[in-house]
C-alpha atoms as a PDB file:
ATOM      1  CA  MET A   1      44.777  94.671 136.303  1.00  0.00           C
ATOM      2  CA  GLN A   2      43.279  98.020 136.101  1.00  0.00           C
ATOM      3  CA  LYS A   3      43.106 100.174 132.790  1.00  0.00           C
ATOM      4  CA  VAL A   4      45.306 102.882 133.443  1.00  0.00           C
ATOM      5  CA  ASP A   5      44.963 106.592 131.721  1.00  0.00           C
ATOM      6  CA  ALA A   6      47.751 107.113 129.097  1.00  0.00           C
ATOM      7  CA  THR A   7      48.591 110.192 131.095  1.00  0.00           C
ATOM      8  CA  ALA A   8      48.622 108.615 134.382  1.00  0.00           C
ATOM      9  CA  GLU A   9      50.955 106.066 132.874  1.00  0.00           C
ATOM     10  CA  LYS A  10      53.133 108.739 131.648  1.00  0.00           C
ATOM     11  CA  ARG A  11      53.172 110.194 134.970  1.00  0.00           C
ATOM     12  CA  HIS A  12      53.934 106.586 136.716  1.00  0.00           C
ATOM     13  CA  GLN A  13      56.969 105.804 134.635  1.00  0.00           C
ATOM     14  CA  GLN A  14      57.883 109.496 135.175  1.00  0.00           C
ATOM     15  CA  ALA A  15      57.667 109.013 139.112  1.00  0.00           C
ATOM     16  CA  CYS A  16      59.557 105.729 138.976  1.00  0.00           C
ATOM     17  CA  PHE A  17      62.173 107.239 136.969  1.00  0.00           C
ATOM     18  CA  GLN A  18      63.087 109.566 139.623  1.00  0.00           C
ATOM     19  CA  LYS A  19      62.368 106.708 142.404  1.00  0.00           C
ATOM     20  CA  GLN A  20      59.333 108.632 143.744  1.00  0.00           C
ATOM     21  CA  ASP A  21      57.081 106.344 146.386  1.00  0.00           C
ATOM     22  CA  SER A  22      53.921 108.202 144.655  1.00  0.00           C
ATOM     23  CA  TYR A  23      52.006 110.364 141.989  1.00  0.00           C
ATOM     24  CA  THR A  24      48.786 112.032 141.796  1.00  0.00           C
ATOM     25  CA  ASP A  25      46.441 110.478 139.071  1.00  0.00           C
ATOM     26  CA  PRO A  26      45.138 113.236 136.970  1.00  0.00           C
ATOM     27  CA  ILE A  27      41.778 112.365 136.564  1.00  0.00           C
ATOM     28  CA  THR A  28      40.955 111.486 140.303  1.00  0.00           C
ATOM     29  CA  GLY A  29      43.483 113.550 142.152  1.00  0.00           C
ATOM     30  CA  TYR A  30      44.140 110.545 144.206  1.00  0.00           C
ATOM     31  CA  MET A  31      47.631 109.808 145.293  1.00  0.00           C
ATOM     32  CA  VAL A  32      48.924 106.142 143.728  1.00  0.00           C
ATOM     33  CA  PHE A  33      51.648 104.519 145.113  1.00  0.00           C
ATOM     34  CA  THR A  34      54.419 103.584 142.099  1.00  0.00           C
ATOM     35  CA  HIS A  35      55.720 100.180 141.351  1.00  0.00           C
ATOM     36  CA  TYR A  36      59.209 101.222 142.812  1.00  0.00           C
ATOM     37  CA  PHE A  37      57.678 101.803 146.043  1.00  0.00           C
ATOM     38  CA  LEU A  38      55.828  98.812 146.149  1.00  0.00           C
ATOM     39  CA  GLN A  39      58.463  96.584 145.214  1.00  0.00           C
ATOM     40  CA  ALA A  40      61.013  98.523 147.424  1.00  0.00           C
ATOM     41  CA  ARG A  41      58.600  97.788 150.112  1.00  0.00           C
ATOM     42  CA  GLY A  42      58.892  94.203 149.564  1.00  0.00           C
ATOM     43  CA  TYR A  43      55.439  92.088 150.150  1.00  0.00           C
ATOM     44  CA  CYS A  44      52.293  92.376 148.597  1.00  0.00           C
ATOM     45  CA  CYS A  45      49.585  94.011 151.060  1.00  0.00           C
ATOM     46  CA  GLN A  46      46.656  92.257 148.881  1.00  0.00           C
ATOM     47  CA  ASN A  47      44.608  95.942 148.237  1.00  0.00           C
ATOM     48  CA  GLY A  48      44.654  95.575 145.067  1.00  0.00           C
ATOM     49  CA  CYS A  49      47.166  98.546 144.202  1.00  0.00           C
ATOM     50  CA  ARG A  50      47.274  99.683 140.784  1.00  0.00           C
ATOM     51  CA  HIS A  51      50.903  99.277 139.977  1.00  0.00           C
ATOM     52  CA  CYS A  52      51.145  95.832 141.807  1.00  0.00           C
ATOM     53  CA  PRO A  53      54.634  94.088 141.210  1.00  0.00           C
ATOM     54  CA  TYR A  54      53.259  90.988 142.730  1.00  0.00           C
ATOM     55  CA  GLY A  55      50.527  90.605 140.380  1.00  0.00           C
ATOM     56  CA  PHE A  56      47.582  90.664 142.631  1.00  0.00           C
ATOM     57  CA  GLU A  57      44.253  91.211 141.620  1.00  0.00           C
ATOM     58  CA  LYS A  58      41.710  91.826 143.878  1.00  0.00           C
ATOM     59  CA  ASN A  59      38.361  90.380 143.184  1.00  0.00           C
ATOM     60  CA  GLU A  60      35.158  92.651 142.129  1.00  0.00           C
ATOM     61  CA  ASP A  61      33.109  90.912 144.645  1.00  0.00           C
ATOM     62  CA  GLU A  62      35.601  91.089 147.330  1.00  0.00           C
ATOM     63  CA  ASN A  63      35.160  94.333 150.227  1.00  0.00           C
END
């Protein structure tokens, strides 16, 4: 599982509470899908999403 900055985790929790699909990571500026969105989508894409509700973790050796 990826380590998440406390500020990013707070944004994630707020976004899930507001039923938003994503939030902007405060450090990288990247858009990140929320647990709420990924679970509602209904399947794992196996890309190693930060908030994957399916428990998938991408190996560092994989491209």
